[in-house]
Amino acid sequence: MNTIQVRVPKAIEQLVEGEQDRLLRVALRMAAKTRAKELTQAQREASANVRRLEKKYGMTFNAFEKKLGAMNTAQAHEAYNDWFFWLNVLERVENARNAMEKLASAT
């Protein structure tokens, strides 16, 4: 386990050492649960945008990417960039949410 130094209010500093540790662990778990909920909402938004593009073009991103050269329109390239962006957001959010959920369930 890594050690991090955190500035805390005097009230926390004055708690006995065991209570400081317990309080900070509980606070981190609660913060992780809250952040996981926020990330779940961001994941829903990213997923909805990916599904919107899949529905609009009737294919997956990989299939669209293979056909992009033949399309060669500004609209197709704009859709590609949008799709690529939302897939990356989705991946980052899923990874962050999984990490938060793991932290939230840590003992």
Protein backbone atom coordinates (compact mmCIF):
# COMPACT_ATOMS: atom_id res chain seq x y z
CA MET A 1 0.00 0.00 0.00
CA ASN A 2 1.27 3.47 -0.87
CA THR A 3 1.42 6.36 1.54
CA ILE A 4 0.10 9.79 0.63
CA GLN A 5 0.37 12.93 2.66
CA VAL A 6 -2.88 14.87 3.06
CA ARG A 7 -3.52 18.19 4.77
CA VAL A 8 -6.42 17.80 7.16
CA PRO A 9 -8.30 20.15 9.49
CA LYS A 10 -7.09 20.41 13.07
CA ALA A 11 -10.13 18.44 14.29
CA ILE A 12 -8.97 15.39 12.34
CA GLU A 13 -5.37 15.93 13.30
CA GLN A 14 -6.37 15.88 16.97
CA LEU A 15 -8.10 12.48 16.75
CA VAL A 16 -6.19 9.51 18.04
CA GLU A 17 -4.24 7.79 15.31
CA GLY A 18 -6.55 4.80 14.90
CA GLU A 19 -9.58 7.07 14.54
CA GLN A 20 -7.81 9.20 11.93
CA ASP A 21 -7.15 6.14 9.82
CA ARG A 22 -10.68 4.77 10.21
CA LEU A 23 -12.28 8.13 9.39
CA LEU A 24 -10.17 8.61 6.27
CA ARG A 25 -10.84 5.05 5.03
CA VAL A 26 -14.59 5.50 5.47
CA ALA A 27 -14.46 8.89 3.75
CA LEU A 28 -12.51 7.47 0.81
CA ARG A 29 -14.99 4.60 0.39
CA MET A 30 -17.92 7.02 0.47
CA ALA A 31 -16.22 9.33 -2.02
CA ALA A 32 -15.46 6.36 -4.29
CA LYS A 33 -19.11 5.23 -4.19
CA THR A 34 -20.27 8.74 -5.08
CA ARG A 35 -17.76 9.01 -7.91
CA ALA A 36 -18.73 5.56 -9.22
CA LYS A 37 -22.35 6.76 -9.47
CA GLU A 38 -21.24 9.86 -11.39
CA LEU A 39 -19.14 7.73 -13.72
CA THR A 40 -22.10 5.39 -14.29
CA GLN A 41 -24.05 8.37 -15.62
CA ALA A 42 -21.15 9.36 -17.87
CA GLN A 43 -20.97 5.76 -19.09
CA ARG A 44 -24.68 5.84 -19.97
CA GLU A 45 -24.17 9.04 -21.95
CA ALA A 46 -21.18 7.64 -23.85
CA SER A 47 -22.99 4.35 -24.54
CA ALA A 48 -26.04 6.22 -25.82
CA ASN A 49 -23.88 8.21 -28.23
CA VAL A 50 -22.13 5.07 -29.49
CA ARG A 51 -25.51 3.35 -30.01
CA ARG A 52 -26.85 6.45 -31.77
CA LEU A 53 -24.00 6.30 -34.28
CA GLU A 54 -24.33 2.54 -34.72
CA LYS A 55 -28.03 2.98 -35.45
CA LYS A 56 -27.49 5.95 -37.76
CA TYR A 57 -24.92 4.09 -39.88
CA GLY A 58 -26.25 0.56 -39.35
CA MET A 59 -22.86 -0.84 -38.38
CA THR A 60 -20.21 -1.01 -35.71
CA PHE A 61 -17.35 1.46 -35.47
CA ASN A 62 -14.90 -1.12 -36.85
CA ALA A 63 -17.07 -1.72 -39.92
CA PHE A 64 -17.51 2.04 -40.38
CA GLU A 65 -13.76 2.57 -40.08
CA LYS A 66 -13.13 0.02 -42.87
CA LYS A 67 -15.58 1.84 -45.17
CA LEU A 68 -14.42 5.34 -44.28
CA GLY A 69 -11.96 5.61 -47.19
CA ALA A 70 -14.68 4.81 -49.71
CA MET A 71 -17.07 7.35 -48.16
CA ASN A 72 -14.58 10.22 -48.29
CA THR A 73 -16.99 12.94 -47.21
CA ALA A 74 -16.64 15.61 -44.57
CA GLN A 75 -19.75 14.21 -42.85
CA ALA A 76 -18.24 10.70 -42.71
CA HIS A 77 -14.99 12.01 -41.25
CA GLU A 78 -16.88 14.10 -38.70
CA ALA A 79 -18.92 11.04 -37.70
CA TYR A 80 -15.69 9.03 -37.41
CA ASN A 81 -14.16 11.61 -35.07
CA ASP A 82 -17.34 11.77 -32.99
CA TRP A 83 -17.59 7.99 -32.78
CA PHE A 84 -13.90 7.61 -31.93
CA PHE A 85 -14.28 10.23 -29.20
CA TRP A 86 -17.29 8.52 -27.57
CA LEU A 87 -15.65 5.09 -27.68
CA ASN A 88 -12.60 6.51 -25.92
CA VAL A 89 -14.77 8.27 -23.34
CA LEU A 90 -16.64 5.01 -22.77
CA GLU A 91 -13.42 3.05 -22.23
CA ARG A 92 -11.92 5.62 -19.85
CA VAL A 93 -15.15 5.95 -17.86
CA GLU A 94 -15.58 2.18 -17.56
CA ASN A 95 -12.01 1.79 -16.31
CA ALA A 96 -12.40 4.63 -13.81
CA ARG A 97 -15.78 3.33 -12.60
CA ASN A 98 -14.38 -0.17 -12.10
CA ALA A 99 -11.48 1.29 -10.07
CA MET A 100 -13.91 3.35 -7.94
CA GLU A 101 -16.16 0.36 -7.34
CA LYS A 102 -13.15 -1.70 -6.29
CA LEU A 103 -12.05 1.05 -3.91
CA ALA A 104 -15.59 1.47 -2.56
CA SER A 105 -15.79 -2.23 -1.69
CA ALA A 106 -12.29 -2.40 -0.17
CA THR A 107 -12.12 -3.19 3.50
